[in-house]
Amino acid sequence: MAGTASPRSEQRRAAVTRFLAIASAARTVEITGLSPLGGGALQENWGLDARFSGGTLDGEQRLVLRTSAATGVAASLTRVQEFAVQKAAFTTGVTVPEPLFASEDPAVWGKPFFIMRRVNGIAAPDRITGDPTLDPALPAIGERLGRELARVHTIRPPWPDLAFLAPYADSGPIQQIARFRAYLDRHSTPRPVVEWGMRWLETHIPPPARPVLCHHDFRTGNYLLDGTLLTAILDWEFAGWGDPDEDIGWLCCKGWRFGRLDREAGGIAERAPFYRGYEEASGRRLDPQRILFWEVMANIRWAVIAMQQSDRYRLGGARSLSTAITGRRATECELELLMLLDLGGIAAHA
C-alpha cells in the first residue's frame, strides 16, 4: 500500500528511538518525523523530530542525524571523529549546531552516525550569493565569518579528544603536495597545469606557522544564514591540524564564489571585511603572499577533489548526476592557476 513504511525503516526508527532514550536518559522517546535532508555531497543528513519525556532533552526537539553516504573520499573523517571535532568547536564558542550523541553501533543505523540540534537557515550558495536583498548585509556577514574562523583557530594541538587527528608534520604543504602528486600519477587523465602548479608550490613554501584546527572546507555552502544572521558553521568532515592561512585561501578560492567573481571572499564580500574580522578577532596580521600560496594550494586541492568526485561516479558506484559532473570543475581550477601564477596575478596579491 502506498505510503506504508518498509520493515527495514520501521526497524531503523525503533532502533534510533531506543538509542535516543538511553543516550538522553529519557523515560520515553517518540520519533514524530524522520526524513532525508537535501544537500551534503559526501554525507547523508536526516531531519529527526522527536518528543522526549524526561532526561536531558525533555520536550519537543528538532534534530539532525548525520551519517556517511554509500561512497566517500579518503580525506574525510569518520562521523564519530567529526562529532568530536564539532564538539570541540562548540565548547570553544564557534557557532555550530550543538552535537549531542554519537554511535558506532551498526545495530542502530547500520553505520556510524551522530546527532546534533537542527538549526534554522539556508546553506544553498546560489541563494546566498544571488539574493539581491542580502547585498547590504553581506560585508557584515563576511566580517562575521572572519571572526568565526579566528575562533576556530584558537583550537590548537594537543587538544582533549582530538588525538585521532594526524599531526601537522604529516599534513603540511610538502605532505599535501606529495599526496596530490601520487593521486595524479595513478590517474588515467593527465593534468599538466596542476602538475605545474604543484611545482610552483614546492618552490614557494612559506615559513611554517603554529598549527591550528583548520576547518578545511570553510566556504559558502557550509554555513547557514537565517535572513542576515549567521546561525551555523557546518560540515567538519575534513577538519585537521593545519596552517591558519589554509582556511583563508580556501574561502577566497575562485571556485567558491558561485558566480559572483567580484566578491573574492566566498562570493559574498570583498576580502577587506573578511580579513578585518579575522585580524581583529585573532590579533594576527594577514600576509598576502602567504594567502596567495594557500590559494594556489586550494585550487590544486579542489581540482583533485573534483576528480575524486567524478571517480566516485565512474568507479565507486555513486549514482548522483552532480557527483558525476563535478569532475569538470578541475578544468576551471587549471584556468585559475594560470591566472594566479601569471606575473599580474602574483602582483595583485602583493
C-alpha atoms as a PDB file:
ATOM      1  CA  MET A   1       0.000   0.000   0.000  1.00  0.00           C
ATOM      2  CA  ALA A   2       1.385   3.426  -0.975  1.00  0.00           C
ATOM      3  CA  GLY A   3       2.962   5.348   1.887  1.00  0.00           C
ATOM      4  CA  THR A   4       3.441   2.273   4.100  1.00  0.00           C
ATOM      5  CA  ALA A   5       6.875   2.225   5.745  1.00  0.00           C
ATOM      6  CA  SER A   6       9.133  -0.720   4.920  1.00  0.00           C
ATOM      7  CA  PRO A   7      10.069  -3.237   7.629  1.00  0.00           C
ATOM      8  CA  ARG A   8      13.673  -2.008   7.445  1.00  0.00           C
ATOM      9  CA  SER A   9      12.695   1.635   8.005  1.00  0.00           C
ATOM     10  CA  GLU A  10      10.473   0.627  10.922  1.00  0.00           C
ATOM     11  CA  GLN A  11      13.337  -1.351  12.460  1.00  0.00           C
ATOM     12  CA  ARG A  12      15.655   1.611  11.999  1.00  0.00           C
ATOM     13  CA  ARG A  13      13.168   4.007  13.594  1.00  0.00           C
ATOM     14  CA  ALA A  14      12.721   1.666  16.563  1.00  0.00           C
ATOM     15  CA  ALA A  15      16.486   1.296  16.994  1.00  0.00           C
ATOM     16  CA  VAL A  16      17.033   5.075  16.891  1.00  0.00           C
ATOM     17  CA  THR A  17      14.218   5.543  19.409  1.00  0.00           C
ATOM     18  CA  ARG A  18      15.899   3.151  21.835  1.00  0.00           C
ATOM     19  CA  PHE A  19      19.284   4.806  21.278  1.00  0.00           C
ATOM     20  CA  LEU A  20      17.905   8.281  21.966  1.00  0.00           C
ATOM     21  CA  ALA A  21      16.158   7.141  25.111  1.00  0.00           C
ATOM     22  CA  ILE A  22      19.347   5.637  26.517  1.00  0.00           C
ATOM     23  CA  ALA A  23      21.621   8.484  25.408  1.00  0.00           C
ATOM     24  CA  SER A  24      19.349  11.201  26.812  1.00  0.00           C
ATOM     25  CA  ALA A  25      18.202   9.249  29.894  1.00  0.00           C
ATOM     26  CA  ALA A  26      14.606   9.927  28.844  1.00  0.00           C
ATOM     27  CA  ARG A  27      11.684   7.910  30.209  1.00  0.00           C
ATOM     28  CA  THR A  28      10.169   7.744  26.745  1.00  0.00           C
ATOM     29  CA  VAL A  29      11.002   8.969  23.243  1.00  0.00           C
ATOM     30  CA  GLU A  30       8.616   9.246  20.304  1.00  0.00           C
ATOM     31  CA  ILE A  31      10.011   9.987  16.843  1.00  0.00           C
ATOM     32  CA  THR A  32       7.476  12.174  15.056  1.00  0.00           C
ATOM     33  CA  GLY A  33       9.461  12.784  11.871  1.00  0.00           C
ATOM     34  CA  LEU A  34      12.417  11.171  10.111  1.00  0.00           C
ATOM     35  CA  SER A  35      13.257  12.103   6.526  1.00  0.00           C
ATOM     36  CA  PRO A  36      16.358  12.827   4.412  1.00  0.00           C
ATOM     37  CA  LEU A  37      17.517  16.425   4.065  1.00  0.00           C
ATOM     38  CA  GLY A  38      18.859  17.940   0.869  1.00  0.00           C
ATOM     39  CA  GLY A  39      22.484  18.990   0.428  1.00  0.00           C
ATOM     40  CA  GLY A  40      25.636  17.234   1.522  1.00  0.00           C
ATOM     41  CA  ALA A  41      27.814  15.965  -1.304  1.00  0.00           C
ATOM     42  CA  LEU A  42      29.619  13.352   0.786  1.00  0.00           C
ATOM     43  CA  GLN A  43      27.373  12.629   3.778  1.00  0.00           C
ATOM     44  CA  GLU A  44      23.718  11.907   4.474  1.00  0.00           C
ATOM     45  CA  ASN A  45      21.711  14.201   6.741  1.00  0.00           C
ATOM     46  CA  TRP A  46      18.318  13.213   8.119  1.00  0.00           C
ATOM     47  CA  GLY A  47      15.837  15.530   9.762  1.00  0.00           C
ATOM     48  CA  LEU A  48      14.713  13.937  13.000  1.00  0.00           C
ATOM     49  CA  ASP A  49      11.836  15.338  15.070  1.00  0.00           C
ATOM     50  CA  ALA A  50      11.240  13.703  18.441  1.00  0.00           C
ATOM     51  CA  ARG A  51       9.293  14.133  21.638  1.00  0.00           C
ATOM     52  CA  PHE A  52      11.246  13.362  24.826  1.00  0.00           C
ATOM     53  CA  SER A  53       9.774  12.755  28.239  1.00  0.00           C
ATOM     54  CA  GLY A  54      12.338  13.496  30.940  1.00  0.00           C
ATOM     55  CA  GLY A  55      16.101  13.285  30.589  1.00  0.00           C
ATOM     56  CA  THR A  56      18.481  15.850  29.128  1.00  0.00           C
ATOM     57  CA  LEU A  57      16.286  16.686  26.116  1.00  0.00           C
ATOM     58  CA  ASP A  58      12.862  16.906  27.732  1.00  0.00           C
ATOM     59  CA  GLY A  59      10.175  18.127  25.325  1.00  0.00           C
ATOM     60  CA  GLU A  60       9.896  18.587  21.542  1.00  0.00           C
ATOM     61  CA  GLN A  61      13.264  18.555  19.746  1.00  0.00           C
ATOM     62  CA  ARG A  62      14.332  19.246  16.144  1.00  0.00           C
ATOM     63  CA  LEU A  63      17.464  17.229  15.425  1.00  0.00           C
ATOM     64  CA  VAL A  64      19.699  16.096  12.577  1.00  0.00           C
ATOM     65  CA  LEU A  65      21.131  12.605  12.201  1.00  0.00           C
ATOM     66  CA  ARG A  66      24.328  12.720  10.139  1.00  0.00           C
ATOM     67  CA  THR A  67      25.837   9.587   8.642  1.00  0.00           C
ATOM     68  CA  SER A  68      28.114   8.615   5.756  1.00  0.00           C
ATOM     69  CA  ALA A  69      26.975   8.280   2.168  1.00  0.00           C
ATOM     70  CA  ALA A  70      27.493   4.988   0.350  1.00  0.00           C
ATOM     71  CA  THR A  71      30.746   6.261  -1.187  1.00  0.00           C
ATOM     72  CA  GLY A  72      33.186   8.871   0.050  1.00  0.00           C
ATOM     73  CA  VAL A  73      36.701  10.253  -0.242  1.00  0.00           C
ATOM     74  CA  ALA A  74      39.690   9.092   1.762  1.00  0.00           C
ATOM     75  CA  ALA A  75      40.381  12.507   3.347  1.00  0.00           C
ATOM     76  CA  SER A  76      37.042  12.564   5.173  1.00  0.00           C
ATOM     77  CA  LEU A  77      36.874  11.927   8.912  1.00  0.00           C
ATOM     78  CA  THR A  78      34.551   9.260  10.270  1.00  0.00           C
ATOM     79  CA  ARG A  79      31.254  10.510  11.646  1.00  0.00           C
ATOM     80  CA  VAL A  80      32.330   9.827  15.237  1.00  0.00           C
ATOM     81  CA  GLN A  81      35.550  11.789  14.629  1.00  0.00           C
ATOM     82  CA  GLU A  82      33.589  14.621  13.021  1.00  0.00           C
ATOM     83  CA  PHE A  83      31.343  14.634  16.101  1.00  0.00           C
ATOM     84  CA  ALA A  84      34.405  15.096  18.337  1.00  0.00           C
ATOM     85  CA  VAL A  85      35.697  17.989  16.209  1.00  0.00           C
ATOM     86  CA  GLN A  86      32.304  19.696  16.172  1.00  0.00           C
ATOM     87  CA  LYS A  87      32.062  19.246  19.935  1.00  0.00           C
ATOM     88  CA  ALA A  88      35.463  20.941  20.380  1.00  0.00           C
ATOM     89  CA  ALA A  89      34.283  23.826  18.191  1.00  0.00           C
ATOM     90  CA  PHE A  90      31.012  24.106  20.122  1.00  0.00           C
ATOM     91  CA  THR A  91      32.721  24.211  23.521  1.00  0.00           C
ATOM     92  CA  THR A  92      35.083  26.901  22.215  1.00  0.00           C
ATOM     93  CA  GLY A  93      32.186  29.153  21.249  1.00  0.00           C
ATOM     94  CA  VAL A  94      32.173  28.632  17.480  1.00  0.00           C
ATOM     95  CA  THR A  95      28.683  28.984  16.011  1.00  0.00           C
ATOM     96  CA  VAL A  96      27.883  25.335  15.267  1.00  0.00           C
ATOM     97  CA  PRO A  97      24.845  23.125  15.840  1.00  0.00           C
ATOM     98  CA  GLU A  98      25.185  21.558  19.288  1.00  0.00           C
ATOM     99  CA  PRO A  99      26.491  17.989  18.875  1.00  0.00           C
ATOM    100  CA  LEU A 100      24.569  15.673  21.199  1.00  0.00           C
ATOM    101  CA  PHE A 101      25.258  11.961  20.721  1.00  0.00           C
ATOM    102  CA  ALA A 102      27.343   9.664  18.514  1.00  0.00           C
ATOM    103  CA  SER A 103      27.307   5.933  17.873  1.00  0.00           C
ATOM    104  CA  GLU A 104      29.291   3.303  16.000  1.00  0.00           C
ATOM    105  CA  ASP A 105      26.801   0.541  16.809  1.00  0.00           C
ATOM    106  CA  PRO A 106      25.708  -0.992  13.470  1.00  0.00           C
ATOM    107  CA  ALA A 107      22.527  -2.277  15.124  1.00  0.00           C
ATOM    108  CA  VAL A 108      21.157   1.283  15.303  1.00  0.00           C
ATOM    109  CA  TRP A 109      21.551   2.711  11.790  1.00  0.00           C
ATOM    110  CA  GLY A 110      23.762   0.213  10.013  1.00  0.00           C
ATOM    111  CA  LYS A 111      26.761   2.570  10.041  1.00  0.00           C
ATOM    112  CA  PRO A 112      28.251   5.208  12.377  1.00  0.00           C
ATOM    113  CA  PHE A 113      26.322   8.420  12.889  1.00  0.00           C
ATOM    114  CA  PHE A 114      25.965  11.391  15.176  1.00  0.00           C
ATOM    115  CA  ILE A 115      23.045  13.530  16.230  1.00  0.00           C
ATOM    116  CA  MET A 116      23.028  17.309  16.606  1.00  0.00           C
ATOM    117  CA  ARG A 117      20.454  20.012  17.070  1.00  0.00           C
ATOM    118  CA  ARG A 118      18.766  21.299  13.939  1.00  0.00           C
ATOM    119  CA  VAL A 119      19.373  24.991  13.247  1.00  0.00           C
ATOM    120  CA  ASN A 120      17.297  27.344  11.104  1.00  0.00           C
ATOM    121  CA  GLY A 121      18.804  28.788   7.960  1.00  0.00           C
ATOM    122  CA  ILE A 122      19.779  28.123   4.358  1.00  0.00           C
ATOM    123  CA  ALA A 123      23.133  26.938   3.060  1.00  0.00           C
ATOM    124  CA  ALA A 124      22.419  26.895  -0.699  1.00  0.00           C
ATOM    125  CA  PRO A 125      25.243  29.024  -2.132  1.00  0.00           C
ATOM    126  CA  ASP A 126      23.338  30.172  -5.208  1.00  0.00           C
ATOM    127  CA  ARG A 127      20.570  31.538  -2.980  1.00  0.00           C
ATOM    128  CA  ILE A 128      23.069  33.309  -0.727  1.00  0.00           C
ATOM    129  CA  THR A 129      25.236  34.854  -3.436  1.00  0.00           C
ATOM    130  CA  GLY A 130      22.333  35.520  -5.807  1.00  0.00           C
ATOM    131  CA  ASP A 131      19.838  37.173  -3.456  1.00  0.00           C
ATOM    132  CA  PRO A 132      19.998  40.968  -4.002  1.00  0.00           C
ATOM    133  CA  THR A 133      18.085  41.618  -0.781  1.00  0.00           C
ATOM    134  CA  LEU A 134      21.115  40.336   1.139  1.00  0.00           C
ATOM    135  CA  ASP A 135      23.548  42.742  -0.540  1.00  0.00           C
ATOM    136  CA  PRO A 136      23.506  45.462   2.169  1.00  0.00           C
ATOM    137  CA  ALA A 137      24.286  42.894   4.883  1.00  0.00           C
ATOM    138  CA  LEU A 138      26.961  40.897   3.057  1.00  0.00           C
ATOM    139  CA  PRO A 139      30.025  42.899   4.189  1.00  0.00           C
ATOM    140  CA  ALA A 140      28.958  42.417   7.818  1.00  0.00           C
ATOM    141  CA  ILE A 141      28.397  38.700   7.168  1.00  0.00           C
ATOM    142  CA  GLY A 142      31.875  38.495   5.638  1.00  0.00           C
ATOM    143  CA  GLU A 143      33.344  40.159   8.718  1.00  0.00           C
ATOM    144  CA  ARG A 144      31.419  37.782  10.975  1.00  0.00           C
ATOM    145  CA  LEU A 145      32.824  34.811   9.048  1.00  0.00           C
ATOM    146  CA  GLY A 146      36.317  36.161   9.667  1.00  0.00           C
ATOM    147  CA  ARG A 147      35.610  36.325  13.397  1.00  0.00           C
ATOM    148  CA  GLU A 148      34.184  32.813  13.433  1.00  0.00           C
ATOM    149  CA  LEU A 149      37.232  31.456  11.644  1.00  0.00           C
ATOM    150  CA  ALA A 150      39.553  33.199  14.091  1.00  0.00           C
ATOM    151  CA  ARG A 151      37.726  31.437  16.930  1.00  0.00           C
ATOM    152  CA  VAL A 152      38.117  28.072  15.184  1.00  0.00           C
ATOM    153  CA  HIS A 153      41.840  28.753  15.028  1.00  0.00           C
ATOM    154  CA  THR A 154      42.087  29.158  18.803  1.00  0.00           C
ATOM    155  CA  ILE A 155      41.867  25.342  18.968  1.00  0.00           C
ATOM    156  CA  ARG A 156      45.461  24.112  18.898  1.00  0.00           C
ATOM    157  CA  PRO A 157      47.192  20.788  19.420  1.00  0.00           C
ATOM    158  CA  PRO A 158      47.282  18.997  21.726  1.00  0.00           C
ATOM    159  CA  TRP A 159      43.553  19.099  22.418  1.00  0.00           C
ATOM    160  CA  PRO A 160      41.481  16.717  24.536  1.00  0.00           C
ATOM    161  CA  ASP A 161      39.508  14.181  22.475  1.00  0.00           C
ATOM    162  CA  LEU A 162      41.223  15.154  19.172  1.00  0.00           C
ATOM    163  CA  ALA A 163      44.221  12.842  19.433  1.00  0.00           C
ATOM    164  CA  PHE A 164      42.996  10.970  16.336  1.00  0.00           C
ATOM    165  CA  LEU A 165      43.837  13.948  14.090  1.00  0.00           C
ATOM    166  CA  ALA A 166      47.029  13.429  12.119  1.00  0.00           C
ATOM    167  CA  PRO A 167      49.940  15.529  13.418  1.00  0.00           C
ATOM    168  CA  TYR A 168      50.725  18.591  11.353  1.00  0.00           C
ATOM    169  CA  ALA A 169      54.064  17.024  10.433  1.00  0.00           C
ATOM    170  CA  ASP A 170      52.012  14.538   8.384  1.00  0.00           C
ATOM    171  CA  SER A 171      49.702  17.118   6.791  1.00  0.00           C
ATOM    172  CA  GLY A 172      51.832  20.177   5.984  1.00  0.00           C
ATOM    173  CA  PRO A 173      52.243  21.563   2.464  1.00  0.00           C
ATOM    174  CA  ILE A 174      55.001  19.127   1.462  1.00  0.00           C
ATOM    175  CA  GLN A 175      52.886  16.163   2.510  1.00  0.00           C
ATOM    176  CA  GLN A 176      49.788  17.544   0.796  1.00  0.00           C
ATOM    177  CA  ILE A 177      51.660  18.057  -2.474  1.00  0.00           C
ATOM    178  CA  ALA A 178      53.047  14.519  -2.277  1.00  0.00           C
ATOM    179  CA  ARG A 179      49.549  13.056  -1.832  1.00  0.00           C
ATOM    180  CA  PHE A 180      48.137  15.078  -4.723  1.00  0.00           C
ATOM    181  CA  ARG A 181      51.015  14.022  -6.966  1.00  0.00           C
ATOM    182  CA  ALA A 182      50.590  10.364  -6.015  1.00  0.00           C
ATOM    183  CA  TYR A 183      46.890  10.552  -6.916  1.00  0.00           C
ATOM    184  CA  LEU A 184      47.582  12.233 -10.260  1.00  0.00           C
ATOM    185  CA  ASP A 185      50.327   9.731 -11.082  1.00  0.00           C
ATOM    186  CA  ARG A 186      47.766   6.922 -10.773  1.00  0.00           C
ATOM    187  CA  HIS A 187      45.007   8.737 -12.645  1.00  0.00           C
ATOM    188  CA  SER A 188      44.164   7.990 -16.268  1.00  0.00           C
ATOM    189  CA  THR A 189      43.782  11.694 -17.183  1.00  0.00           C
ATOM    190  CA  PRO A 190      46.971  13.796 -17.331  1.00  0.00           C
ATOM    191  CA  ARG A 191      46.790  17.234 -15.680  1.00  0.00           C
ATOM    192  CA  PRO A 192      49.956  19.143 -16.695  1.00  0.00           C
ATOM    193  CA  VAL A 193      48.699  22.531 -15.425  1.00  0.00           C
ATOM    194  CA  VAL A 194      48.001  21.066 -11.993  1.00  0.00           C
ATOM    195  CA  GLU A 195      51.441  19.430 -12.009  1.00  0.00           C
ATOM    196  CA  TRP A 196      52.996  22.786 -12.914  1.00  0.00           C
ATOM    197  CA  GLY A 197      51.096  24.474 -10.104  1.00  0.00           C
ATOM    198  CA  MET A 198      52.384  21.880  -7.645  1.00  0.00           C
ATOM    199  CA  ARG A 199      55.931  22.563  -8.759  1.00  0.00           C
ATOM    200  CA  TRP A 200      55.370  26.285  -8.075  1.00  0.00           C
ATOM    201  CA  LEU A 201      54.152  25.425  -4.588  1.00  0.00           C
ATOM    202  CA  GLU A 202      57.236  23.315  -3.922  1.00  0.00           C
ATOM    203  CA  THR A 203      59.479  26.276  -4.699  1.00  0.00           C
ATOM    204  CA  HIS A 204      57.442  28.824  -2.698  1.00  0.00           C
ATOM    205  CA  ILE A 205      56.656  27.096   0.604  1.00  0.00           C
ATOM    206  CA  PRO A 206      56.288  29.810   3.272  1.00  0.00           C
ATOM    207  CA  PRO A 207      57.849  29.616   6.745  1.00  0.00           C
ATOM    208  CA  PRO A 208      55.832  27.272   8.970  1.00  0.00           C
ATOM    209  CA  ALA A 209      53.104  28.720  11.174  1.00  0.00           C
ATOM    210  CA  ARG A 210      51.986  27.378  14.530  1.00  0.00           C
ATOM    211  CA  PRO A 211      49.362  24.742  13.657  1.00  0.00           C
ATOM    212  CA  VAL A 212      45.706  25.274  14.495  1.00  0.00           C
ATOM    213  CA  LEU A 213      42.473  23.415  13.882  1.00  0.00           C
ATOM    214  CA  CYS A 214      41.556  24.100  10.257  1.00  0.00           C
ATOM    215  CA  HIS A 215      38.018  23.500   9.055  1.00  0.00           C
ATOM    216  CA  HIS A 216      39.486  22.685   5.605  1.00  0.00           C
ATOM    217  CA  ASP A 217      36.145  23.354   3.870  1.00  0.00           C
ATOM    218  CA  PHE A 218      35.276  26.800   5.237  1.00  0.00           C
ATOM    219  CA  ARG A 219      33.241  28.299   2.402  1.00  0.00           C
ATOM    220  CA  THR A 220      29.859  29.474   1.190  1.00  0.00           C
ATOM    221  CA  GLY A 221      27.652  26.401   1.167  1.00  0.00           C
ATOM    222  CA  ASN A 222      28.979  25.215   4.522  1.00  0.00           C
ATOM    223  CA  TYR A 223      27.352  27.797   6.744  1.00  0.00           C
ATOM    224  CA  LEU A 224      23.721  28.656   7.431  1.00  0.00           C
ATOM    225  CA  LEU A 225      22.085  32.065   7.120  1.00  0.00           C
ATOM    226  CA  ASP A 226      18.697  32.754   8.655  1.00  0.00           C
ATOM    227  CA  GLY A 227      17.915  36.003   6.875  1.00  0.00           C
ATOM    228  CA  THR A 228      21.079  38.006   7.527  1.00  0.00           C
ATOM    229  CA  LEU A 229      22.002  36.113  10.701  1.00  0.00           C
ATOM    230  CA  LEU A 230      24.803  33.545  10.618  1.00  0.00           C
ATOM    231  CA  THR A 231      23.383  30.577  12.541  1.00  0.00           C
ATOM    232  CA  ALA A 232      25.886  27.737  11.982  1.00  0.00           C
ATOM    233  CA  ILE A 233      29.181  26.622  10.501  1.00  0.00           C
ATOM    234  CA  LEU A 234      28.596  23.165   9.006  1.00  0.00           C
ATOM    235  CA  ASP A 235      30.390  20.103   7.626  1.00  0.00           C
ATOM    236  CA  TRP A 236      33.523  19.451   9.693  1.00  0.00           C
ATOM    237  CA  GLU A 237      34.388  16.204   7.906  1.00  0.00           C
ATOM    238  CA  PHE A 238      37.745  17.464   6.542  1.00  0.00           C
ATOM    239  CA  ALA A 239      38.944  19.216   9.718  1.00  0.00           C
ATOM    240  CA  GLY A 240      42.522  18.723  10.892  1.00  0.00           C
ATOM    241  CA  TRP A 241      45.632  20.466  12.124  1.00  0.00           C
ATOM    242  CA  GLY A 242      46.986  22.939   9.623  1.00  0.00           C
ATOM    243  CA  ASP A 243      48.304  26.376   8.765  1.00  0.00           C
ATOM    244  CA  PRO A 244      45.665  29.024   9.618  1.00  0.00           C
ATOM    245  CA  ASP A 245      46.044  30.612   6.189  1.00  0.00           C
ATOM    246  CA  GLU A 246      44.823  27.363   4.587  1.00  0.00           C
ATOM    247  CA  ASP A 247      41.237  28.181   5.554  1.00  0.00           C
ATOM    248  CA  ILE A 248      41.584  31.770   4.340  1.00  0.00           C
ATOM    249  CA  GLY A 249      42.959  30.720   0.966  1.00  0.00           C
ATOM    250  CA  TRP A 250      40.180  28.141   0.645  1.00  0.00           C
ATOM    251  CA  LEU A 251      37.323  30.596   1.232  1.00  0.00           C
ATOM    252  CA  CYS A 252      38.897  33.044  -1.235  1.00  0.00           C
ATOM    253  CA  CYS A 253      39.427  30.387  -3.919  1.00  0.00           C
ATOM    254  CA  LYS A 254      37.530  31.393  -7.067  1.00  0.00           C
ATOM    255  CA  GLY A 255      35.740  28.054  -7.180  1.00  0.00           C
ATOM    256  CA  TRP A 256      33.696  29.054  -4.122  1.00  0.00           C
ATOM    257  CA  ARG A 257      32.353  32.388  -5.416  1.00  0.00           C
ATOM    258  CA  PHE A 258      29.330  30.821  -7.129  1.00  0.00           C
ATOM    259  CA  GLY A 259      29.036  33.275  -9.986  1.00  0.00           C
ATOM    260  CA  ARG A 260      29.993  36.387  -8.021  1.00  0.00           C
ATOM    261  CA  LEU A 261      33.617  36.619  -9.112  1.00  0.00           C
ATOM    262  CA  ASP A 262      33.714  40.242  -7.977  1.00  0.00           C
ATOM    263  CA  ARG A 263      33.298  39.141  -4.356  1.00  0.00           C
ATOM    264  CA  GLU A 264      36.549  37.368  -3.625  1.00  0.00           C
ATOM    265  CA  ALA A 265      35.619  36.237  -0.099  1.00  0.00           C
ATOM    266  CA  GLY A 266      33.282  33.339  -0.795  1.00  0.00           C
ATOM    267  CA  GLY A 267      31.184  35.192  -3.368  1.00  0.00           C
ATOM    268  CA  ILE A 268      29.625  37.362  -0.655  1.00  0.00           C
ATOM    269  CA  ALA A 269      32.090  40.147   0.120  1.00  0.00           C
ATOM    270  CA  GLU A 270      35.355  41.785  -0.766  1.00  0.00           C
ATOM    271  CA  ARG A 271      38.371  40.407   1.055  1.00  0.00           C
ATOM    272  CA  ALA A 272      38.671  43.524   3.234  1.00  0.00           C
ATOM    273  CA  PRO A 273      35.743  42.919   5.644  1.00  0.00           C
ATOM    274  CA  PHE A 274      36.544  39.214   5.926  1.00  0.00           C
ATOM    275  CA  TYR A 275      40.219  39.962   6.592  1.00  0.00           C
ATOM    276  CA  ARG A 276      39.273  42.707   9.049  1.00  0.00           C
ATOM    277  CA  GLY A 277      37.040  40.401  11.071  1.00  0.00           C
ATOM    278  CA  TYR A 278      39.730  37.746  11.182  1.00  0.00           C
ATOM    279  CA  GLU A 279      42.556  40.121  12.080  1.00  0.00           C
ATOM    280  CA  GLU A 280      40.602  41.888  14.828  1.00  0.00           C
ATOM    281  CA  ALA A 281      39.491  38.616  16.424  1.00  0.00           C
ATOM    282  CA  SER A 282      42.807  36.783  16.060  1.00  0.00           C
ATOM    283  CA  GLY A 283      45.229  39.647  16.671  1.00  0.00           C
ATOM    284  CA  ARG A 284      47.228  38.374  13.680  1.00  0.00           C
ATOM    285  CA  ARG A 285      48.085  40.444  10.618  1.00  0.00           C
ATOM    286  CA  LEU A 286      47.472  38.578   7.360  1.00  0.00           C
ATOM    287  CA  ASP A 287      50.282  38.292   4.811  1.00  0.00           C
ATOM    288  CA  PRO A 288      49.027  38.472   1.180  1.00  0.00           C
ATOM    289  CA  GLN A 289      51.896  36.314  -0.087  1.00  0.00           C
ATOM    290  CA  ARG A 290      51.098  33.517   2.353  1.00  0.00           C
ATOM    291  CA  ILE A 291      47.454  33.679   1.303  1.00  0.00           C
ATOM    292  CA  LEU A 292      48.492  33.514  -2.378  1.00  0.00           C
ATOM    293  CA  PHE A 293      50.392  30.309  -1.629  1.00  0.00           C
ATOM    294  CA  TRP A 294      47.385  28.730   0.057  1.00  0.00           C
ATOM    295  CA  GLU A 295      45.018  29.988  -2.636  1.00  0.00           C
ATOM    296  CA  VAL A 296      47.140  28.200  -5.243  1.00  0.00           C
ATOM    297  CA  MET A 297      47.073  25.123  -2.999  1.00  0.00           C
ATOM    298  CA  ALA A 298      43.293  25.475  -2.721  1.00  0.00           C
ATOM    299  CA  ASN A 299      42.876  25.360  -6.489  1.00  0.00           C
ATOM    300  CA  ILE A 300      45.042  22.258  -6.746  1.00  0.00           C
ATOM    301  CA  ARG A 301      43.210  20.581  -3.876  1.00  0.00           C
ATOM    302  CA  TRP A 302      39.824  21.484  -5.387  1.00  0.00           C
ATOM    303  CA  ALA A 303      40.927  20.097  -8.765  1.00  0.00           C
ATOM    304  CA  VAL A 304      41.888  16.804  -7.128  1.00  0.00           C
ATOM    305  CA  ILE A 305      38.649  16.654  -5.095  1.00  0.00           C
ATOM    306  CA  ALA A 306      36.651  17.326  -8.278  1.00  0.00           C
ATOM    307  CA  MET A 307      38.409  14.412  -9.969  1.00  0.00           C
ATOM    308  CA  GLN A 308      37.788  12.203  -6.931  1.00  0.00           C
ATOM    309  CA  GLN A 309      34.099  13.076  -7.011  1.00  0.00           C
ATOM    310  CA  SER A 310      33.931  12.099 -10.656  1.00  0.00           C
ATOM    311  CA  ASP A 311      35.762   8.862  -9.782  1.00  0.00           C
ATOM    312  CA  ARG A 312      33.050   8.101  -7.217  1.00  0.00           C
ATOM    313  CA  TYR A 313      30.608   8.014 -10.114  1.00  0.00           C
ATOM    314  CA  ARG A 314      32.812   6.299 -12.691  1.00  0.00           C
ATOM    315  CA  LEU A 315      34.426   3.743 -10.388  1.00  0.00           C
ATOM    316  CA  GLY A 316      32.768   3.825  -6.977  1.00  0.00           C
ATOM    317  CA  GLY A 317      29.126   3.259  -7.804  1.00  0.00           C
ATOM    318  CA  ALA A 318      27.725   6.677  -6.823  1.00  0.00           C
ATOM    319  CA  ARG A 319      24.678   7.467  -8.945  1.00  0.00           C
ATOM    320  CA  SER A 320      24.355  11.215  -8.379  1.00  0.00           C
ATOM    321  CA  LEU A 321      24.485  13.373 -11.511  1.00  0.00           C
ATOM    322  CA  SER A 322      26.027  16.270  -9.560  1.00  0.00           C
ATOM    323  CA  THR A 323      28.795  13.915  -8.390  1.00  0.00           C
ATOM    324  CA  ALA A 324      29.389  12.765 -11.951  1.00  0.00           C
ATOM    325  CA  ILE A 325      29.778  16.244 -13.425  1.00  0.00           C
ATOM    326  CA  THR A 326      31.890  17.703 -10.609  1.00  0.00           C
ATOM    327  CA  GLY A 327      34.984  16.454 -12.407  1.00  0.00           C
ATOM    328  CA  ARG A 328      34.671  19.267 -14.938  1.00  0.00           C
ATOM    329  CA  ARG A 329      35.484  21.751 -12.179  1.00  0.00           C
ATOM    330  CA  ALA A 330      39.106  20.609 -12.362  1.00  0.00           C
ATOM    331  CA  THR A 331      39.414  22.474 -15.671  1.00  0.00           C
ATOM    332  CA  GLU A 332      38.190  25.690 -14.041  1.00  0.00           C
ATOM    333  CA  CYS A 333      40.895  25.269 -11.385  1.00  0.00           C
ATOM    334  CA  GLU A 334      43.530  24.909 -14.082  1.00  0.00           C
ATOM    335  CA  LEU A 335      42.459  28.186 -15.699  1.00  0.00           C
ATOM    336  CA  GLU A 336      42.572  29.915 -12.319  1.00  0.00           C
ATOM    337  CA  LEU A 337      46.070  28.534 -11.660  1.00  0.00           C
ATOM    338  CA  LEU A 338      47.287  30.036 -14.933  1.00  0.00           C
ATOM    339  CA  MET A 339      45.773  33.397 -13.959  1.00  0.00           C
ATOM    340  CA  LEU A 340      47.026  33.353 -10.356  1.00  0.00           C
ATOM    341  CA  LEU A 341      50.576  32.454 -11.321  1.00  0.00           C
ATOM    342  CA  ASP A 342      50.762  34.940 -14.162  1.00  0.00           C
ATOM    343  CA  LEU A 343      53.006  37.820 -13.078  1.00  0.00           C
ATOM    344  CA  GLY A 344      49.975  40.093 -12.983  1.00  0.00           C
ATOM    345  CA  GLY A 345      48.105  37.708 -10.700  1.00  0.00           C
ATOM    346  CA  ILE A 346      51.029  37.466  -8.317  1.00  0.00           C
ATOM    347  CA  ALA A 347      51.380  41.253  -8.257  1.00  0.00           C
ATOM    348  CA  ALA A 348      47.695  41.618  -7.364  1.00  0.00           C
ATOM    349  CA  HIS A 349      48.326  39.716  -4.130  1.00  0.00           C
ATOM    350  CA  ALA A 350      51.311  41.834  -3.129  1.00  0.00           C
END
